Amino acid sequence: MYEIAFKNKVGLFFLDKLKDAEKLPPELEGQYRLGLDRHLETMQTAVSLTSSLSATTRDFAIFKFLKPFPHTPSDVDALIFPSQGEYTKIVNHLLDHGYFKIGACPSQTVVYDLRGGYEGMDKRTVGGKEGGKYYIDLYNNVSASHVIYVNKETLADQIITVNPGKGSIQTLSPVADLVVILAHSIIPEELFTLNDYYTTLYYLDLMSKSDLDRLYNLFAQNCILKCGKLSLSLVGKIHQQVHGFIPDKLDYILQNFYVNEKELLNINIKSLPYRYSISALLWVLAERMKERKGLQSIATQAVCTANPRMAKWVIYNLIFRRMRETY
């Protein structure tokens, strides 16, 4: 069960529940301690990053990070809203104040919080971030390589500040963060996990009817309605299969997407994580191309892929993502 939970990115959540019930097996106590330490240290990285970024800009949000349960992310993701020129200045400010640059690509800059010490730093740009805790991805767009899957301008008015117990973290509202999380599960990850499932249910439970309408509108505004329909249908199918019903708020949002009971019954979930089909990915990308930035970014990706080196990297990643069991 722990192996299944780990693959679904809820390993620490599972162990924490066992610990609360006084049923944690001795063989898993070490994993629990390591996971809890990683969770707490990564949270501190997010708190420290919020403080450091606030010294130079208020236009940022740590996103795809906070969860309604203890978890062990591989890094902290931060979205920087200002233009490319300002983005570069903000990154340089961090590098002058306790952070180390590991690498960069079209969509992001990877930095390391030097709280972790130079001796613990993993400088690999591929397959790196050993142990998590201190690694940060600074995004200039909500993108994977060149492909922008959510326009950051549509999220700019959704910045909030929360206090998870270790200090303040500036992040996105549940409505905005959920859109990014579910879009990210398809582009680029191509996997839907129990982490996505529980996060979705928790966020929906927090939302009012107007929030649910705003959620739908944000998917529509970014031309990723198919993404919302696919991912939320999976949540509905799993909940219906396990509990025998669909929660009212989930049912309401599914009706907005025109999902009926027959469509849910036709979803075949053999195991979790659930791997989205290639046709589903293409379906989502095709809709995204109806929006100007989406079209431009996908076209840029296509042009760059004409470079043999980039083409090899893209093909490798597509094959790797189709074969992996988790991420």
C-alpha atoms as a PDB file:
ATOM      1  CA  MET A   1       0.000   0.000   0.000  1.00  0.00           C
ATOM      2  CA  TYR A   2       2.871   2.368   0.749  1.00  0.00           C
ATOM      3  CA  GLU A   3       4.391   1.691  -2.692  1.00  0.00           C
ATOM      4  CA  ILE A   4       1.061   2.589  -4.318  1.00  0.00           C
ATOM      5  CA  ALA A   5       0.779   5.733  -2.165  1.00  0.00           C
ATOM      6  CA  PHE A   6       4.365   6.709  -3.016  1.00  0.00           C
ATOM      7  CA  LYS A   7       3.751   6.351  -6.761  1.00  0.00           C
ATOM      8  CA  ASN A   8       0.671   8.543  -6.335  1.00  0.00           C
ATOM      9  CA  LYS A   9       2.641  11.267  -4.505  1.00  0.00           C
ATOM     10  CA  VAL A  10       0.769  10.721  -1.230  1.00  0.00           C
ATOM     11  CA  GLY A  11       3.360   8.521   0.488  1.00  0.00           C
ATOM     12  CA  LEU A  12       3.908  10.816   3.473  1.00  0.00           C
ATOM     13  CA  PHE A  13       0.148  11.458   3.739  1.00  0.00           C
ATOM     14  CA  PHE A  14      -0.439   7.694   3.978  1.00  0.00           C
ATOM     15  CA  LEU A  15       2.262   7.233   6.623  1.00  0.00           C
ATOM     16  CA  ASP A  16       1.000  10.235   8.572  1.00  0.00           C
ATOM     17  CA  LYS A  17      -2.487   8.716   8.719  1.00  0.00           C
ATOM     18  CA  LEU A  18      -1.022   5.423   9.945  1.00  0.00           C
ATOM     19  CA  LYS A  19       0.974   7.321  12.569  1.00  0.00           C
ATOM     20  CA  ASP A  20      -2.176   9.126  13.795  1.00  0.00           C
ATOM     21  CA  ALA A  21      -3.974   5.783  14.060  1.00  0.00           C
ATOM     22  CA  GLU A  22      -0.967   4.258  15.896  1.00  0.00           C
ATOM     23  CA  LYS A  23      -0.660   1.666  13.118  1.00  0.00           C
ATOM     24  CA  LEU A  24       2.642   2.734  11.550  1.00  0.00           C
ATOM     25  CA  PRO A  25       4.729  -0.439  11.001  1.00  0.00           C
ATOM     26  CA  PRO A  26       8.272  -0.315  12.458  1.00  0.00           C
ATOM     27  CA  GLU A  27       9.682  -0.988   8.957  1.00  0.00           C
ATOM     28  CA  LEU A  28       8.212   2.318   7.755  1.00  0.00           C
ATOM     29  CA  GLU A  29       9.150   4.535  10.697  1.00  0.00           C
ATOM     30  CA  GLY A  30      12.421   5.537   9.013  1.00  0.00           C
ATOM     31  CA  GLN A  31      10.592   6.512   5.813  1.00  0.00           C
ATOM     32  CA  TYR A  32       8.132   8.540   7.860  1.00  0.00           C
ATOM     33  CA  ARG A  33      10.870  10.476   9.668  1.00  0.00           C
ATOM     34  CA  LEU A  34      12.733  11.178   6.423  1.00  0.00           C
ATOM     35  CA  GLY A  35       9.534  12.247   4.680  1.00  0.00           C
ATOM     36  CA  LEU A  36       8.443  14.504   7.520  1.00  0.00           C
ATOM     37  CA  ASP A  37      11.868  16.164   7.661  1.00  0.00           C
ATOM     38  CA  ARG A  38      11.764  16.754   3.900  1.00  0.00           C
ATOM     39  CA  HIS A  39       8.253  18.193   4.158  1.00  0.00           C
ATOM     40  CA  LEU A  40       9.169  20.618   6.937  1.00  0.00           C
ATOM     41  CA  GLU A  41      12.435  21.717   5.310  1.00  0.00           C
ATOM     42  CA  THR A  42      10.764  22.287   1.935  1.00  0.00           C
ATOM     43  CA  MET A  43       8.045  24.347   3.624  1.00  0.00           C
ATOM     44  CA  GLN A  44      10.789  26.463   5.180  1.00  0.00           C
ATOM     45  CA  THR A  45      12.345  26.888   1.729  1.00  0.00           C
ATOM     46  CA  ALA A  46       8.986  28.255   0.500  1.00  0.00           C
ATOM     47  CA  VAL A  47       8.718  30.613   3.484  1.00  0.00           C
ATOM     48  CA  SER A  48      12.292  31.869   2.952  1.00  0.00           C
ATOM     49  CA  LEU A  49      11.690  32.313  -0.771  1.00  0.00           C
ATOM     50  CA  THR A  50       8.546  34.358  -0.092  1.00  0.00           C
ATOM     51  CA  SER A  51      10.579  36.663   2.147  1.00  0.00           C
ATOM     52  CA  SER A  52      13.436  36.954  -0.365  1.00  0.00           C
ATOM     53  CA  LEU A  53      11.181  37.663  -3.346  1.00  0.00           C
ATOM     54  CA  SER A  54       9.117  40.173  -1.370  1.00  0.00           C
ATOM     55  CA  ALA A  55      12.235  42.317  -0.991  1.00  0.00           C
ATOM     56  CA  THR A  56      12.249  42.990  -4.730  1.00  0.00           C
ATOM     57  CA  THR A  57       8.675  42.420  -6.000  1.00  0.00           C
ATOM     58  CA  ARG A  58       5.129  41.665  -4.859  1.00  0.00           C
ATOM     59  CA  ASP A  59       4.176  40.165  -8.214  1.00  0.00           C
ATOM     60  CA  PHE A  60       4.916  36.491  -7.648  1.00  0.00           C
ATOM     61  CA  ALA A  61       3.228  33.376  -6.361  1.00  0.00           C
ATOM     62  CA  ILE A  62       4.497  30.029  -5.129  1.00  0.00           C
ATOM     63  CA  PHE A  63       2.225  27.611  -6.935  1.00  0.00           C
ATOM     64  CA  LYS A  64       1.494  23.877  -7.343  1.00  0.00           C
ATOM     65  CA  PHE A  65       3.052  23.561  -3.898  1.00  0.00           C
ATOM     66  CA  LEU A  66       0.717  23.862  -0.903  1.00  0.00           C
ATOM     67  CA  LYS A  67      -1.412  20.773  -0.282  1.00  0.00           C
ATOM     68  CA  PRO A  68      -4.098  19.933   2.293  1.00  0.00           C
ATOM     69  CA  PHE A  69      -1.852  17.143   3.592  1.00  0.00           C
ATOM     70  CA  PRO A  70       1.855  16.639   4.371  1.00  0.00           C
ATOM     71  CA  HIS A  71       3.793  15.880   1.197  1.00  0.00           C
ATOM     72  CA  THR A  72       7.330  15.683  -0.170  1.00  0.00           C
ATOM     73  CA  PRO A  73       7.720  17.797  -3.328  1.00  0.00           C
ATOM     74  CA  SER A  74      10.971  17.644  -5.274  1.00  0.00           C
ATOM     75  CA  ASP A  75      11.177  21.444  -5.294  1.00  0.00           C
ATOM     76  CA  VAL A  76       9.359  24.728  -4.767  1.00  0.00           C
ATOM     77  CA  ASP A  77       7.771  26.299  -7.862  1.00  0.00           C
ATOM     78  CA  ALA A  78       7.434  30.076  -8.045  1.00  0.00           C
ATOM     79  CA  LEU A  79       5.761  32.069 -10.820  1.00  0.00           C
ATOM     80  CA  ILE A  80       7.204  35.535 -11.519  1.00  0.00           C
ATOM     81  CA  PHE A  81       4.612  37.829 -13.120  1.00  0.00           C
ATOM     82  CA  PRO A  82       6.679  40.830 -14.386  1.00  0.00           C
ATOM     83  CA  SER A  83       8.203  40.994 -17.880  1.00  0.00           C
ATOM     84  CA  GLN A  84      11.331  39.090 -18.960  1.00  0.00           C
ATOM     85  CA  GLY A  85      13.604  42.038 -18.124  1.00  0.00           C
ATOM     86  CA  GLU A  86      12.224  42.320 -14.602  1.00  0.00           C
ATOM     87  CA  TYR A  87      12.301  38.536 -14.261  1.00  0.00           C
ATOM     88  CA  THR A  88      16.052  38.550 -14.925  1.00  0.00           C
ATOM     89  CA  LYS A  89      16.588  41.283 -12.311  1.00  0.00           C
ATOM     90  CA  ILE A  90      14.576  39.323  -9.745  1.00  0.00           C
ATOM     91  CA  VAL A  91      16.572  36.151 -10.381  1.00  0.00           C
ATOM     92  CA  ASN A  92      19.841  38.086 -10.069  1.00  0.00           C
ATOM     93  CA  HIS A  93      18.616  39.574  -6.782  1.00  0.00           C
ATOM     94  CA  LEU A  94      18.102  36.070  -5.402  1.00  0.00           C
ATOM     95  CA  LEU A  95      21.558  34.999  -6.594  1.00  0.00           C
ATOM     96  CA  ASP A  96      23.018  37.914  -4.621  1.00  0.00           C
ATOM     97  CA  HIS A  97      21.066  36.974  -1.493  1.00  0.00           C
ATOM     98  CA  GLY A  98      21.610  33.337  -0.562  1.00  0.00           C
ATOM     99  CA  TYR A  99      20.690  31.372  -3.702  1.00  0.00           C
ATOM    100  CA  PHE A 100      22.818  29.517  -6.264  1.00  0.00           C
ATOM    101  CA  LYS A 101      21.936  29.124  -9.945  1.00  0.00           C
ATOM    102  CA  ILE A 102      21.971  25.504 -11.119  1.00  0.00           C
ATOM    103  CA  GLY A 103      20.627  25.916 -14.649  1.00  0.00           C
ATOM    104  CA  ALA A 104      18.058  27.525 -16.919  1.00  0.00           C
ATOM    105  CA  CYS A 105      15.763  26.645 -19.815  1.00  0.00           C
ATOM    106  CA  PRO A 106      13.158  28.622 -21.802  1.00  0.00           C
ATOM    107  CA  SER A 107      10.496  28.390 -19.103  1.00  0.00           C
ATOM    108  CA  GLN A 108      12.422  28.541 -15.853  1.00  0.00           C
ATOM    109  CA  THR A 109      15.570  29.035 -13.827  1.00  0.00           C
ATOM    110  CA  VAL A 110      16.555  26.412 -11.269  1.00  0.00           C
ATOM    111  CA  VAL A 111      18.161  27.785  -8.103  1.00  0.00           C
ATOM    112  CA  TYR A 112      19.290  26.276  -4.815  1.00  0.00           C
ATOM    113  CA  ASP A 113      18.639  27.701  -1.355  1.00  0.00           C
ATOM    114  CA  LEU A 114      22.084  27.828   0.242  1.00  0.00           C
ATOM    115  CA  ARG A 115      20.505  27.017   3.607  1.00  0.00           C
ATOM    116  CA  GLY A 116      21.200  23.455   2.449  1.00  0.00           C
ATOM    117  CA  GLY A 117      24.950  24.071   2.203  1.00  0.00           C
ATOM    118  CA  TYR A 118      27.225  23.748  -0.823  1.00  0.00           C
ATOM    119  CA  GLU A 119      28.168  20.201   0.145  1.00  0.00           C
ATOM    120  CA  GLY A 120      24.571  19.034  -0.222  1.00  0.00           C
ATOM    121  CA  MET A 121      23.949  20.669  -3.591  1.00  0.00           C
ATOM    122  CA  ASP A 122      23.086  18.517  -6.624  1.00  0.00           C
ATOM    123  CA  LYS A 123      24.202  20.510  -9.679  1.00  0.00           C
ATOM    124  CA  ARG A 124      22.771  18.175 -12.305  1.00  0.00           C
ATOM    125  CA  THR A 125      20.352  19.870 -14.692  1.00  0.00           C
ATOM    126  CA  VAL A 126      18.847  16.520 -15.772  1.00  0.00           C
ATOM    127  CA  GLY A 127      17.685  14.064 -13.111  1.00  0.00           C
ATOM    128  CA  GLY A 128      18.996  16.286 -10.320  1.00  0.00           C
ATOM    129  CA  LYS A 129      17.474  17.848  -7.178  1.00  0.00           C
ATOM    130  CA  GLU A 130      18.692  14.985  -5.027  1.00  0.00           C
ATOM    131  CA  GLY A 131      16.726  14.908  -1.791  1.00  0.00           C
ATOM    132  CA  GLY A 132      14.540  17.908  -2.647  1.00  0.00           C
ATOM    133  CA  LYS A 133      14.184  20.399   0.231  1.00  0.00           C
ATOM    134  CA  TYR A 134      16.234  23.320  -1.119  1.00  0.00           C
ATOM    135  CA  TYR A 135      15.556  23.405  -4.871  1.00  0.00           C
ATOM    136  CA  ILE A 136      13.449  26.091  -6.527  1.00  0.00           C
ATOM    137  CA  ASP A 137      12.067  26.486 -10.046  1.00  0.00           C
ATOM    138  CA  LEU A 138      11.528  30.147 -10.931  1.00  0.00           C
ATOM    139  CA  TYR A 139       9.049  30.289 -13.815  1.00  0.00           C
ATOM    140  CA  ASN A 140       8.618  33.257 -16.147  1.00  0.00           C
ATOM    141  CA  ASN A 141       5.526  31.565 -17.608  1.00  0.00           C
ATOM    142  CA  VAL A 142       3.259  28.679 -16.664  1.00  0.00           C
ATOM    143  CA  SER A 143       4.914  26.460 -19.214  1.00  0.00           C
ATOM    144  CA  ALA A 144       6.706  23.256 -20.079  1.00  0.00           C
ATOM    145  CA  SER A 145       9.735  24.090 -22.211  1.00  0.00           C
ATOM    146  CA  HIS A 146       8.284  26.650 -24.668  1.00  0.00           C
ATOM    147  CA  VAL A 147       4.646  25.526 -24.377  1.00  0.00           C
ATOM    148  CA  ILE A 148       2.593  27.935 -22.242  1.00  0.00           C
ATOM    149  CA  TYR A 149      -0.404  25.981 -20.946  1.00  0.00           C
ATOM    150  CA  VAL A 150      -1.929  28.719 -18.737  1.00  0.00           C
ATOM    151  CA  ASN A 151      -1.502  32.466 -19.336  1.00  0.00           C
ATOM    152  CA  LYS A 152      -0.001  33.991 -16.206  1.00  0.00           C
ATOM    153  CA  GLU A 153      -1.941  37.217 -16.851  1.00  0.00           C
ATOM    154  CA  THR A 154      -5.167  35.340 -16.026  1.00  0.00           C
ATOM    155  CA  LEU A 155      -3.733  34.478 -12.590  1.00  0.00           C
ATOM    156  CA  ALA A 156      -2.353  37.884 -11.629  1.00  0.00           C
ATOM    157  CA  ASP A 157      -5.383  38.879  -9.558  1.00  0.00           C
ATOM    158  CA  GLN A 158      -5.455  35.537  -7.728  1.00  0.00           C
ATOM    159  CA  ILE A 159      -2.445  36.073  -5.429  1.00  0.00           C
ATOM    160  CA  ILE A 160      -3.050  35.416  -1.721  1.00  0.00           C
ATOM    161  CA  THR A 161      -0.908  34.991   1.393  1.00  0.00           C
ATOM    162  CA  VAL A 162      -1.310  32.030   3.749  1.00  0.00           C
ATOM    163  CA  ASN A 163       0.349  31.040   6.998  1.00  0.00           C
ATOM    164  CA  PRO A 164       0.837  27.260   7.151  1.00  0.00           C
ATOM    165  CA  GLY A 165       2.408  27.448  10.613  1.00  0.00           C
ATOM    166  CA  LYS A 166       6.045  28.069   9.704  1.00  0.00           C
ATOM    167  CA  GLY A 167       5.664  31.613   8.359  1.00  0.00           C
ATOM    168  CA  SER A 168       3.946  33.316   5.432  1.00  0.00           C
ATOM    169  CA  ILE A 169       3.822  31.912   1.907  1.00  0.00           C
ATOM    170  CA  GLN A 170       2.552  33.971  -1.031  1.00  0.00           C
ATOM    171  CA  THR A 171       0.632  31.669  -3.341  1.00  0.00           C
ATOM    172  CA  LEU A 172      -2.359  31.425  -5.686  1.00  0.00           C
ATOM    173  CA  SER A 173      -5.972  31.170  -4.616  1.00  0.00           C
ATOM    174  CA  PRO A 174      -7.436  27.631  -4.601  1.00  0.00           C
ATOM    175  CA  VAL A 175      -9.347  28.430  -7.812  1.00  0.00           C
ATOM    176  CA  ALA A 176      -6.244  29.515  -9.750  1.00  0.00           C
ATOM    177  CA  ASP A 177      -3.922  26.898  -8.261  1.00  0.00           C
ATOM    178  CA  LEU A 178      -6.335  24.073  -9.081  1.00  0.00           C
ATOM    179  CA  VAL A 179      -6.478  25.135 -12.736  1.00  0.00           C
ATOM    180  CA  VAL A 180      -2.676  25.045 -12.936  1.00  0.00           C
ATOM    181  CA  ILE A 181      -2.403  21.734 -11.050  1.00  0.00           C
ATOM    182  CA  LEU A 182      -4.899  19.948 -13.292  1.00  0.00           C
ATOM    183  CA  ALA A 183      -3.451  21.429 -16.492  1.00  0.00           C
ATOM    184  CA  HIS A 184       0.029  20.435 -15.326  1.00  0.00           C
ATOM    185  CA  SER A 185      -1.103  16.840 -14.784  1.00  0.00           C
ATOM    186  CA  ILE A 186      -1.681  16.606 -18.554  1.00  0.00           C
ATOM    187  CA  ILE A 187       0.917  19.079 -19.863  1.00  0.00           C
ATOM    188  CA  PRO A 188       3.640  18.013 -19.278  1.00  0.00           C
ATOM    189  CA  GLU A 189       3.251  15.139 -16.774  1.00  0.00           C
ATOM    190  CA  GLU A 190       0.599  13.041 -18.593  1.00  0.00           C
ATOM    191  CA  LEU A 191      -0.234  11.356 -15.263  1.00  0.00           C
ATOM    192  CA  PHE A 192      -3.133  11.853 -12.850  1.00  0.00           C
ATOM    193  CA  THR A 193      -2.262  10.869  -9.269  1.00  0.00           C
ATOM    194  CA  LEU A 194      -4.088  10.505  -5.972  1.00  0.00           C
ATOM    195  CA  ASN A 195      -2.288  13.707  -4.988  1.00  0.00           C
ATOM    196  CA  ASP A 196      -4.292  15.472  -7.712  1.00  0.00           C
ATOM    197  CA  TYR A 197      -7.466  13.670  -6.609  1.00  0.00           C
ATOM    198  CA  TYR A 198      -7.289  14.631  -2.927  1.00  0.00           C
ATOM    199  CA  THR A 199      -6.118  18.168  -3.689  1.00  0.00           C
ATOM    200  CA  THR A 200      -9.049  18.674  -6.072  1.00  0.00           C
ATOM    201  CA  LEU A 201     -11.628  17.404  -3.563  1.00  0.00           C
ATOM    202  CA  TYR A 202     -10.191  19.598  -0.809  1.00  0.00           C
ATOM    203  CA  TYR A 203     -10.087  22.734  -2.938  1.00  0.00           C
ATOM    204  CA  LEU A 204     -13.601  22.184  -4.301  1.00  0.00           C
ATOM    205  CA  ASP A 205     -14.879  21.795  -0.750  1.00  0.00           C
ATOM    206  CA  LEU A 206     -13.489  25.255   0.065  1.00  0.00           C
ATOM    207  CA  MET A 207     -15.205  26.899  -2.891  1.00  0.00           C
ATOM    208  CA  SER A 208     -18.498  28.772  -3.058  1.00  0.00           C
ATOM    209  CA  LYS A 209     -20.775  28.597  -6.100  1.00  0.00           C
ATOM    210  CA  SER A 210     -19.204  31.783  -7.464  1.00  0.00           C
ATOM    211  CA  ASP A 211     -15.747  30.227  -6.981  1.00  0.00           C
ATOM    212  CA  LEU A 212     -16.839  27.153  -8.937  1.00  0.00           C
ATOM    213  CA  ASP A 213     -18.079  29.390 -11.740  1.00  0.00           C
ATOM    214  CA  ARG A 214     -14.770  31.255 -11.662  1.00  0.00           C
ATOM    215  CA  LEU A 215     -12.940  27.926 -11.886  1.00  0.00           C
ATOM    216  CA  TYR A 216     -14.848  27.005 -15.042  1.00  0.00           C
ATOM    217  CA  ASN A 217     -14.298  30.472 -16.519  1.00  0.00           C
ATOM    218  CA  LEU A 218     -10.547  30.279 -15.895  1.00  0.00           C
ATOM    219  CA  PHE A 219     -10.360  27.007 -17.830  1.00  0.00           C
ATOM    220  CA  ALA A 220     -12.419  28.620 -20.610  1.00  0.00           C
ATOM    221  CA  GLN A 221     -10.368  31.824 -20.640  1.00  0.00           C
ATOM    222  CA  ASN A 222      -7.191  29.807 -21.228  1.00  0.00           C
ATOM    223  CA  CYS A 223      -8.781  27.507 -23.828  1.00  0.00           C
ATOM    224  CA  ILE A 224      -8.182  24.395 -21.751  1.00  0.00           C
ATOM    225  CA  LEU A 225     -11.784  23.315 -21.144  1.00  0.00           C
ATOM    226  CA  LYS A 226     -10.910  19.814 -22.361  1.00  0.00           C
ATOM    227  CA  CYS A 227      -8.204  19.651 -19.711  1.00  0.00           C
ATOM    228  CA  GLY A 228     -10.706  20.565 -17.001  1.00  0.00           C
ATOM    229  CA  LYS A 229     -13.272  18.114 -18.332  1.00  0.00           C
ATOM    230  CA  LEU A 230     -10.791  15.220 -18.484  1.00  0.00           C
ATOM    231  CA  SER A 231      -9.228  15.713 -15.063  1.00  0.00           C
ATOM    232  CA  LEU A 232     -12.415  16.532 -13.155  1.00  0.00           C
ATOM    233  CA  SER A 233     -14.150  13.572 -14.785  1.00  0.00           C
ATOM    234  CA  LEU A 234     -11.401  11.354 -13.368  1.00  0.00           C
ATOM    235  CA  VAL A 235     -12.053  12.773  -9.892  1.00  0.00           C
ATOM    236  CA  GLY A 236     -15.759  12.081 -10.324  1.00  0.00           C
ATOM    237  CA  LYS A 237     -15.178   8.546 -11.592  1.00  0.00           C
ATOM    238  CA  ILE A 238     -12.842   7.624  -8.735  1.00  0.00           C
ATOM    239  CA  HIS A 239     -15.129   9.089  -6.068  1.00  0.00           C
ATOM    240  CA  GLN A 240     -18.173   7.394  -7.556  1.00  0.00           C
ATOM    241  CA  GLN A 241     -16.337   4.070  -7.822  1.00  0.00           C
ATOM    242  CA  VAL A 242     -15.027   4.164  -4.249  1.00  0.00           C
ATOM    243  CA  HIS A 243     -17.830   5.918  -2.358  1.00  0.00           C
ATOM    244  CA  GLY A 244     -20.847   5.339  -4.577  1.00  0.00           C
ATOM    245  CA  PHE A 245     -21.711   9.004  -5.189  1.00  0.00           C
ATOM    246  CA  ILE A 246     -20.358  12.308  -6.488  1.00  0.00           C
ATOM    247  CA  PRO A 247     -20.054  15.258  -4.054  1.00  0.00           C
ATOM    248  CA  ASP A 248     -22.455  18.123  -4.794  1.00  0.00           C
ATOM    249  CA  LYS A 249     -19.790  20.701  -5.659  1.00  0.00           C
ATOM    250  CA  LEU A 250     -17.976  18.281  -7.948  1.00  0.00           C
ATOM    251  CA  ASP A 251     -21.290  17.373  -9.588  1.00  0.00           C
ATOM    252  CA  TYR A 252     -22.027  21.077 -10.128  1.00  0.00           C
ATOM    253  CA  ILE A 253     -18.717  21.768 -11.863  1.00  0.00           C
ATOM    254  CA  LEU A 254     -19.008  18.585 -13.949  1.00  0.00           C
ATOM    255  CA  GLN A 255     -22.405  19.772 -15.169  1.00  0.00           C
ATOM    256  CA  ASN A 256     -20.738  23.022 -16.262  1.00  0.00           C
ATOM    257  CA  PHE A 257     -18.437  20.868 -18.402  1.00  0.00           C
ATOM    258  CA  TYR A 258     -21.463  18.917 -19.681  1.00  0.00           C
ATOM    259  CA  VAL A 259     -20.181  15.633 -18.229  1.00  0.00           C
ATOM    260  CA  ASN A 260     -22.964  13.056 -17.903  1.00  0.00           C
ATOM    261  CA  GLU A 261     -23.130   9.771 -16.010  1.00  0.00           C
ATOM    262  CA  LYS A 262     -22.553   7.737 -19.174  1.00  0.00           C
ATOM    263  CA  GLU A 263     -19.261   9.523 -19.818  1.00  0.00           C
ATOM    264  CA  LEU A 264     -18.091   8.770 -16.276  1.00  0.00           C
ATOM    265  CA  LEU A 265     -19.031   5.105 -16.635  1.00  0.00           C
ATOM    266  CA  ASN A 266     -17.000   4.884 -19.838  1.00  0.00           C
ATOM    267  CA  ILE A 267     -13.779   5.968 -18.091  1.00  0.00           C
ATOM    268  CA  ASN A 268     -11.598   2.900 -17.594  1.00  0.00           C
ATOM    269  CA  ILE A 269      -9.290   3.298 -14.604  1.00  0.00           C
ATOM    270  CA  LYS A 270      -7.235   0.127 -14.277  1.00  0.00           C
ATOM    271  CA  SER A 271      -4.763   1.577 -11.806  1.00  0.00           C
ATOM    272  CA  LEU A 272      -3.418   4.821 -10.371  1.00  0.00           C
ATOM    273  CA  PRO A 273      -1.521   6.896 -11.355  1.00  0.00           C
ATOM    274  CA  TYR A 274      -3.759   7.142 -14.415  1.00  0.00           C
ATOM    275  CA  ARG A 275      -1.884   7.719 -17.673  1.00  0.00           C
ATOM    276  CA  TYR A 276      -3.580  10.127 -20.062  1.00  0.00           C
ATOM    277  CA  SER A 277      -3.712   8.836 -23.637  1.00  0.00           C
ATOM    278  CA  ILE A 278      -1.714  10.515 -26.385  1.00  0.00           C
ATOM    279  CA  SER A 279      -5.008  11.394 -28.076  1.00  0.00           C
ATOM    280  CA  ALA A 280      -6.106  13.191 -24.874  1.00  0.00           C
ATOM    281  CA  LEU A 281      -2.852  15.175 -24.829  1.00  0.00           C
ATOM    282  CA  LEU A 282      -3.256  16.145 -28.485  1.00  0.00           C
ATOM    283  CA  TRP A 283      -6.912  17.007 -27.827  1.00  0.00           C
ATOM    284  CA  VAL A 284      -5.861  19.434 -25.068  1.00  0.00           C
ATOM    285  CA  LEU A 285      -3.037  20.967 -27.136  1.00  0.00           C
ATOM    286  CA  ALA A 286      -5.342  21.456 -30.126  1.00  0.00           C
ATOM    287  CA  GLU A 287      -7.789  23.445 -27.997  1.00  0.00           C
ATOM    288  CA  ARG A 288      -4.962  25.433 -26.425  1.00  0.00           C
ATOM    289  CA  MET A 289      -3.927  26.547 -29.914  1.00  0.00           C
ATOM    290  CA  LYS A 290      -7.203  28.492 -30.182  1.00  0.00           C
ATOM    291  CA  GLU A 291      -5.674  31.048 -27.804  1.00  0.00           C
ATOM    292  CA  ARG A 292      -2.983  33.410 -29.137  1.00  0.00           C
ATOM    293  CA  LYS A 293      -0.250  32.769 -26.567  1.00  0.00           C
ATOM    294  CA  GLY A 294      -0.965  29.062 -26.627  1.00  0.00           C
ATOM    295  CA  LEU A 295      -0.634  28.976 -30.423  1.00  0.00           C
ATOM    296  CA  GLN A 296       2.522  31.095 -30.438  1.00  0.00           C
ATOM    297  CA  SER A 297       4.220  29.000 -27.762  1.00  0.00           C
ATOM    298  CA  ILE A 298       3.348  25.679 -29.427  1.00  0.00           C
ATOM    299  CA  ALA A 299       4.579  27.053 -32.763  1.00  0.00           C
ATOM    300  CA  THR A 300       7.829  28.154 -31.100  1.00  0.00           C
ATOM    301  CA  GLN A 301       8.230  24.670 -29.632  1.00  0.00           C
ATOM    302  CA  ALA A 302       7.703  23.144 -33.081  1.00  0.00           C
ATOM    303  CA  VAL A 303      10.295  25.445 -34.672  1.00  0.00           C
ATOM    304  CA  CYS A 304      12.839  24.703 -31.932  1.00  0.00           C
ATOM    305  CA  THR A 305      12.240  20.975 -32.318  1.00  0.00           C
ATOM    306  CA  ALA A 306      13.573  21.264 -35.878  1.00  0.00           C
ATOM    307  CA  ASN A 307      16.988  21.492 -34.211  1.00  0.00           C
ATOM    308  CA  PRO A 308      18.285  17.873 -34.091  1.00  0.00           C
ATOM    309  CA  ARG A 309      19.531  18.244 -30.528  1.00  0.00           C
ATOM    310  CA  MET A 310      16.189  19.636 -29.338  1.00  0.00           C
ATOM    311  CA  ALA A 311      14.287  17.020 -31.354  1.00  0.00           C
ATOM    312  CA  LYS A 312      16.269  14.261 -29.648  1.00  0.00           C
ATOM    313  CA  TRP A 313      15.502  15.778 -26.230  1.00  0.00           C
ATOM    314  CA  VAL A 314      11.773  16.092 -27.002  1.00  0.00           C
ATOM    315  CA  ILE A 315      11.512  12.522 -28.323  1.00  0.00           C
ATOM    316  CA  TYR A 316      13.410  11.172 -25.325  1.00  0.00           C
ATOM    317  CA  ASN A 317      11.095  12.981 -22.909  1.00  0.00           C
ATOM    318  CA  LEU A 318       7.955  11.829 -24.723  1.00  0.00           C
ATOM    319  CA  ILE A 319       9.095   8.200 -24.580  1.00  0.00           C
ATOM    320  CA  PHE A 320      10.263   8.542 -20.970  1.00  0.00           C
ATOM    321  CA  ARG A 321       6.974  10.060 -19.830  1.00  0.00           C
ATOM    322  CA  ARG A 322       4.986   7.318 -21.554  1.00  0.00           C
ATOM    323  CA  MET A 323       6.996   4.614 -19.752  1.00  0.00           C
ATOM    324  CA  ARG A 324       7.435   5.952 -16.225  1.00  0.00           C
ATOM    325  CA  GLU A 325       5.164   4.867 -13.394  1.00  0.00           C
ATOM    326  CA  THR A 326       5.318   8.165 -11.483  1.00  0.00           C
ATOM    327  CA  TYR A 327       7.151  11.512 -11.410  1.00  0.00           C
END
